[in-house]
Amino acid sequence: MQPIKLKLSHKFEEVVSMVNQYGYYNGPKCDNPGCKSELSHLIDDWQTDATDLKVQQVDLKMSDEDFEKLLGAIYVADVIEYEE
């Protein structure tokens, strides 16, 4: 399978940094007993203001739909490149 590459503006670097805190390391990183999905954990944290993702969304002036797509794209990307 080819690596998934994503090209973004530098204005998204902080969001990328936050999303990169989620992932699998010998199972999901989330500390909730019923947690089985790190992507679900990421979306839950965004929706419940458990992180600064909502602040980033407001700063970037993005709708919920567009920001959710951005989070998903960043989460699944193997390689992220930044535009000049």
C-alpha atoms as a PDB file:
ATOM      1  CA  MET A   1       0.000   0.000   0.000  1.00  0.00           C
ATOM      2  CA  GLN A   2       1.277   3.460  -0.890  1.00  0.00           C
ATOM      3  CA  PRO A   3       1.900   5.887   1.988  1.00  0.00           C
ATOM      4  CA  ILE A   4      -0.841   8.485   2.390  1.00  0.00           C
ATOM      5  CA  LYS A   5       0.653  11.936   1.799  1.00  0.00           C
ATOM      6  CA  LEU A   6      -0.982  15.182   2.812  1.00  0.00           C
ATOM      7  CA  LYS A   7       0.141  18.656   1.793  1.00  0.00           C
ATOM      8  CA  LEU A   8      -0.918  21.482   4.105  1.00  0.00           C
ATOM      9  CA  SER A   9      -0.299  25.137   4.729  1.00  0.00           C
ATOM     10  CA  HIS A  10       2.000  25.981   7.646  1.00  0.00           C
ATOM     11  CA  LYS A  11      -1.004  27.495   9.435  1.00  0.00           C
ATOM     12  CA  PHE A  12      -2.084  23.931  10.322  1.00  0.00           C
ATOM     13  CA  GLU A  13       1.174  22.937  12.055  1.00  0.00           C
ATOM     14  CA  GLU A  14      -0.213  23.279  15.578  1.00  0.00           C
ATOM     15  CA  VAL A  15      -3.249  21.146  14.716  1.00  0.00           C
ATOM     16  CA  VAL A  16      -0.926  18.500  13.220  1.00  0.00           C
ATOM     17  CA  SER A  17       1.123  18.528  16.413  1.00  0.00           C
ATOM     18  CA  MET A  18      -2.008  17.989  18.520  1.00  0.00           C
ATOM     19  CA  VAL A  19      -3.362  15.208  16.311  1.00  0.00           C
ATOM     20  CA  ASN A  20       0.008  13.436  16.401  1.00  0.00           C
ATOM     21  CA  GLN A  21      -0.508  12.897  20.129  1.00  0.00           C
ATOM     22  CA  TYR A  22      -3.171  10.322  19.261  1.00  0.00           C
ATOM     23  CA  GLY A  23      -2.341   6.883  17.947  1.00  0.00           C
ATOM     24  CA  TYR A  24      -1.639   3.286  18.759  1.00  0.00           C
ATOM     25  CA  TYR A  25       1.266   2.134  20.878  1.00  0.00           C
ATOM     26  CA  ASN A  26       0.579  -1.476  21.848  1.00  0.00           C
ATOM     27  CA  GLY A  27      -3.127  -0.658  21.711  1.00  0.00           C
ATOM     28  CA  PRO A  28      -4.988   2.642  21.964  1.00  0.00           C
ATOM     29  CA  LYS A  29      -3.295   5.372  24.018  1.00  0.00           C
ATOM     30  CA  CYS A  30      -6.536   6.667  25.518  1.00  0.00           C
ATOM     31  CA  ASP A  31      -6.901   5.951  29.205  1.00  0.00           C
ATOM     32  CA  ASN A  32     -10.658   5.356  29.223  1.00  0.00           C
ATOM     33  CA  PRO A  33     -11.427   1.704  30.049  1.00  0.00           C
ATOM     34  CA  GLY A  34     -13.852   1.297  27.118  1.00  0.00           C
ATOM     35  CA  CYS A  35     -11.703   3.100  24.560  1.00  0.00           C
ATOM     36  CA  LYS A  36     -11.080   1.008  21.480  1.00  0.00           C
ATOM     37  CA  SER A  37     -10.430   3.713  18.870  1.00  0.00           C
ATOM     38  CA  GLU A  38      -7.897   6.526  18.940  1.00  0.00           C
ATOM     39  CA  LEU A  39      -9.715   8.320  16.110  1.00  0.00           C
ATOM     40  CA  SER A  40     -12.890   8.266  18.190  1.00  0.00           C
ATOM     41  CA  HIS A  41     -10.848   9.485  21.174  1.00  0.00           C
ATOM     42  CA  LEU A  42      -9.524  12.380  19.071  1.00  0.00           C
ATOM     43  CA  ILE A  43     -13.004  13.395  17.883  1.00  0.00           C
ATOM     44  CA  ASP A  44     -14.442  13.087  21.417  1.00  0.00           C
ATOM     45  CA  ASP A  45     -11.694  15.287  22.848  1.00  0.00           C
ATOM     46  CA  TRP A  46     -12.334  17.900  20.149  1.00  0.00           C
ATOM     47  CA  GLN A  47     -16.111  17.861  20.690  1.00  0.00           C
ATOM     48  CA  THR A  48     -15.870  18.032  24.501  1.00  0.00           C
ATOM     49  CA  ASP A  49     -13.161  20.737  24.571  1.00  0.00           C
ATOM     50  CA  ALA A  50     -10.766  18.361  26.324  1.00  0.00           C
ATOM     51  CA  THR A  51      -7.943  19.826  24.224  1.00  0.00           C
ATOM     52  CA  ASP A  52      -7.230  23.131  22.498  1.00  0.00           C
ATOM     53  CA  LEU A  53      -8.544  21.786  19.194  1.00  0.00           C
ATOM     54  CA  LYS A  54     -11.718  23.911  19.421  1.00  0.00           C
ATOM     55  CA  VAL A  55      -9.525  26.978  19.981  1.00  0.00           C
ATOM     56  CA  GLN A  56      -7.548  26.066  16.869  1.00  0.00           C
ATOM     57  CA  GLN A  57     -10.772  25.576  14.912  1.00  0.00           C
ATOM     58  CA  VAL A  58     -12.011  29.034  15.899  1.00  0.00           C
ATOM     59  CA  ASP A  59      -8.634  30.620  15.114  1.00  0.00           C
ATOM     60  CA  LEU A  60      -8.671  28.984  11.678  1.00  0.00           C
ATOM     61  CA  LYS A  61     -12.310  30.033  11.129  1.00  0.00           C
ATOM     62  CA  MET A  62     -13.330  26.522  10.060  1.00  0.00           C
ATOM     63  CA  SER A  63     -16.776  24.911  10.203  1.00  0.00           C
ATOM     64  CA  ASP A  64     -17.251  21.727  12.241  1.00  0.00           C
ATOM     65  CA  GLU A  65     -17.523  19.722   9.018  1.00  0.00           C
ATOM     66  CA  ASP A  66     -14.314  21.087   7.512  1.00  0.00           C
ATOM     67  CA  PHE A  67     -12.366  20.805  10.761  1.00  0.00           C
ATOM     68  CA  GLU A  68     -13.492  17.208  11.279  1.00  0.00           C
ATOM     69  CA  LYS A  69     -12.316  16.378   7.749  1.00  0.00           C
ATOM     70  CA  LEU A  70      -8.984  18.059   8.512  1.00  0.00           C
ATOM     71  CA  LEU A  71      -8.560  16.055  11.730  1.00  0.00           C
ATOM     72  CA  GLY A  72      -9.353  12.803   9.921  1.00  0.00           C
ATOM     73  CA  ALA A  73      -6.991  13.579   7.045  1.00  0.00           C
ATOM     74  CA  ILE A  74      -4.149  14.453   9.415  1.00  0.00           C
ATOM     75  CA  TYR A  75      -4.823  11.369  11.532  1.00  0.00           C
ATOM     76  CA  VAL A  76      -4.617   8.917   8.624  1.00  0.00           C
ATOM     77  CA  ALA A  77      -1.721  10.600   6.797  1.00  0.00           C
ATOM     78  CA  ASP A  78       1.587   8.776   6.840  1.00  0.00           C
ATOM     79  CA  VAL A  79       3.507  11.807   5.572  1.00  0.00           C
ATOM     80  CA  ILE A  80       2.635  15.488   5.992  1.00  0.00           C
ATOM     81  CA  GLU A  81       4.375  18.061   3.828  1.00  0.00           C
ATOM     82  CA  TYR A  82       4.016  21.795   4.195  1.00  0.00           C
ATOM     83  CA  GLU A  83       3.551  24.198   1.311  1.00  0.00           C
ATOM     84  CA  GLU A  84       6.067  26.983   0.895  1.00  0.00           C
END
